[in-house]
C-alpha atoms as a PDB file:
ATOM      1  CA  MET A   1     138.458  72.243  98.574  1.00  0.00           C
ATOM      2  CA  GLY A   2     135.374  71.696  96.469  1.00  0.00           C
ATOM      3  CA  ILE A   3     133.035  72.625  99.324  1.00  0.00           C
ATOM      4  CA  GLY A   4     134.986  75.772 100.147  1.00  0.00           C
ATOM      5  CA  GLN A   5     134.985  76.934  96.537  1.00  0.00           C
ATOM      6  CA  ALA A   6     131.236  76.332  96.261  1.00  0.00           C
ATOM      7  CA  SER A   7     130.559  78.482  99.327  1.00  0.00           C
ATOM      8  CA  ILE A   8     132.812  81.235  97.966  1.00  0.00           C
ATOM      9  CA  ASN A   9     130.969  81.171  94.641  1.00  0.00           C
ATOM     10  CA  SER A  10     127.655  81.280  96.490  1.00  0.00           C
ATOM     11  CA  LEU A  11     128.864  84.249  98.517  1.00  0.00           C
ATOM     12  CA  LYS A  12     130.043  86.054  95.366  1.00  0.00           C
ATOM     13  CA  ALA A  13     126.676  85.428  93.715  1.00  0.00           C
ATOM     14  CA  SER A  14     124.780  86.791  96.713  1.00  0.00           C
ATOM     15  CA  VAL A  15     127.005  89.892  96.863  1.00  0.00           C
ATOM     16  CA  LEU A  16     126.475  90.473  93.142  1.00  0.00           C
ATOM     17  CA  PHE A  17     122.712  90.078  93.612  1.00  0.00           C
ATOM     18  CA  LEU A  18     122.755  92.597  96.473  1.00  0.00           C
ATOM     19  CA  ARG A  19     124.726  95.095  94.390  1.00  0.00           C
ATOM     20  CA  LYS A  20     122.245  94.814  91.515  1.00  0.00           C
ATOM     21  CA  SER A  21     119.224  95.132  93.795  1.00  0.00           C
ATOM     22  CA  ILE A  22     120.703  98.164  95.582  1.00  0.00           C
ATOM     23  CA  LYS A  23     121.542  99.792  92.248  1.00  0.00           C
ATOM     24  CA  SER A  24     118.030  99.245  90.886  1.00  0.00           C
ATOM     25  CA  ALA A  25     116.510 100.528  94.136  1.00  0.00           C
ATOM     26  CA  CYS A  26     118.632 103.680  93.881  1.00  0.00           C
ATOM     27  CA  GLU A  27     117.614 104.175  90.266  1.00  0.00           C
ATOM     28  CA  ARG A  28     113.948 103.869  91.219  1.00  0.00           C
ATOM     29  CA  THR A  29     114.193 106.322  94.116  1.00  0.00           C
ATOM     30  CA  THR A  30     116.477 108.880  92.461  1.00  0.00           C
ATOM     31  CA  PRO A  31     113.655 111.143  91.168  1.00  0.00           C
ATOM     32  CA  TRP A  32     112.083 111.230  94.624  1.00  0.00           C
ATOM     33  CA  LEU A  33     115.442 111.964  96.239  1.00  0.00           C
ATOM     34  CA  THR A  34     116.068 114.766  93.753  1.00  0.00           C
ATOM     35  CA  VAL A  35     112.700 116.374  94.522  1.00  0.00           C
ATOM     36  CA  HIS A  36     113.232 115.867  98.248  1.00  0.00           C
ATOM     37  CA  ALA A  37     116.673 117.495  98.063  1.00  0.00           C
ATOM     38  CA  TYR A  38     115.251 120.407  96.047  1.00  0.00           C
ATOM     39  CA  TRP A  39     112.468 121.083  98.553  1.00  0.00           C
ATOM     40  CA  THR A  40     114.858 120.723 101.473  1.00  0.00           C
ATOM     41  CA  MET A  41     117.149 123.329  99.899  1.00  0.00           C
ATOM     42  CA  ALA A  42     114.183 125.587  99.110  1.00  0.00           C
ATOM     43  CA  TRP A  43     112.972 125.474 102.718  1.00  0.00           C
ATOM     44  CA  ALA A  44     116.521 126.065 103.957  1.00  0.00           C
ATOM     45  CA  LYS A  45     116.722 129.213 101.802  1.00  0.00           C
ATOM     46  CA  ILE A  46     113.347 130.453 103.100  1.00  0.00           C
ATOM     47  CA  ILE A  47     114.363 129.840 106.717  1.00  0.00           C
ATOM     48  CA  LYS A  48     117.727 131.536 106.151  1.00  0.00           C
ATOM     49  CA  LYS A  49     116.005 134.580 104.634  1.00  0.00           C
ATOM     50  CA  GLU A  50     113.568 134.798 107.565  1.00  0.00           C
ATOM     51  CA  ASN A  51     116.412 134.465 110.066  1.00  0.00           C
ATOM     52  CA  ARG A  52     118.287 137.272 108.304  1.00  0.00           C
ATOM     53  CA  LYS A  53     115.194 139.481 108.445  1.00  0.00           C
ATOM     54  CA  ILE A  54     114.730 138.782 112.165  1.00  0.00           C
ATOM     55  CA  TYR A  55     118.435 139.493 112.781  1.00  0.00           C
ATOM     56  CA  LYS A  56     118.221 142.843 110.948  1.00  0.00           C
ATOM     57  CA  GLU A  57     115.091 143.811 112.896  1.00  0.00           C
ATOM     58  CA  ARG A  58     116.872 143.040 116.167  1.00  0.00           C
ATOM     59  CA  GLN A  59     119.930 145.024 115.105  1.00  0.00           C
ATOM     60  CA  ASN A  60     117.722 148.009 114.214  1.00  0.00           C
ATOM     61  CA  ALA A  61     115.970 147.726 117.576  1.00  0.00           C
ATOM     62  CA  TYR A  62     119.340 147.728 119.340  1.00  0.00           C
ATOM     63  CA  LYS A  63     120.432 150.813 117.368  1.00  0.00           C
ATOM     64  CA  GLU A  64     117.220 152.660 118.280  1.00  0.00           C
ATOM     65  CA  GLU A  65     117.669 151.676 121.910  1.00  0.00           C
ATOM     66  CA  ASP A  66     121.268 152.901 121.862  1.00  0.00           C
ATOM     67  CA  GLN A  67     120.177 156.232 120.353  1.00  0.00           C
ATOM     68  CA  TYR A  68     117.511 156.582 123.043  1.00  0.00           C
ATOM     69  CA  ILE A  69     120.086 155.916 125.788  1.00  0.00           C
ATOM     70  CA  ILE A  70     122.536 158.456 124.299  1.00  0.00           C
ATOM     71  CA  ILE A  71     119.780 161.097 124.006  1.00  0.00           C
ATOM     72  CA  ARG A  72     118.729 160.539 127.634  1.00  0.00           C
ATOM     73  CA  TRP A  73     122.361 160.645 128.764  1.00  0.00           C
ATOM     74  CA  LYS A  74     122.825 164.033 127.057  1.00  0.00           C
ATOM     75  CA  GLY A  75     119.880 165.442 128.967  1.00  0.00           C
ATOM     76  CA  GLY A  76     117.100 164.872 126.464  1.00  0.00           C
ATOM     77  CA  LYS A  77     118.587 167.001 123.705  1.00  0.00           C
ATOM     78  CA  MET A  78     118.048 165.677 120.184  1.00  0.00           C
ATOM     79  CA  LYS A  79     121.616 165.948 118.954  1.00  0.00           C
ATOM     80  CA  VAL A  80     122.711 163.507 116.285  1.00  0.00           C
ATOM     81  CA  ASP A  81     126.061 162.117 117.278  1.00  0.00           C
ATOM     82  CA  ALA A  82     128.599 159.964 115.426  1.00  0.00           C
ATOM     83  CA  VAL A  83     128.284 157.393 118.204  1.00  0.00           C
ATOM     84  CA  SER A  84     124.532 157.073 117.690  1.00  0.00           C
ATOM     85  CA  GLN A  85     124.763 156.490 113.955  1.00  0.00           C
END
C-alpha cells in the first residue's frame, strides 16, 4: 500500500499545483478579459443601434411604398386615409 499512497499523494500535489497555476493565470489575465468584455459589449451596442436604424429606415420605406400603392389604387388622388397612416 505504500506505493499506492505515494502515487495518490503525487497526484494530489500535481492537482494542487495545477489549481494554483490556473488561479494565478486567471488573476494575470483578468484586466485584459475585463477590457475585452467591455469593448465587446460596446461594439454589440453600436451594432444593435445601427441595426435598429436600418430596420426603422426599411419600415419607413415600406410605409411610403404602401401610401404610394393606396394613392395609385384610388386613381391618383392625394387623399390621406387611415389605412395609409
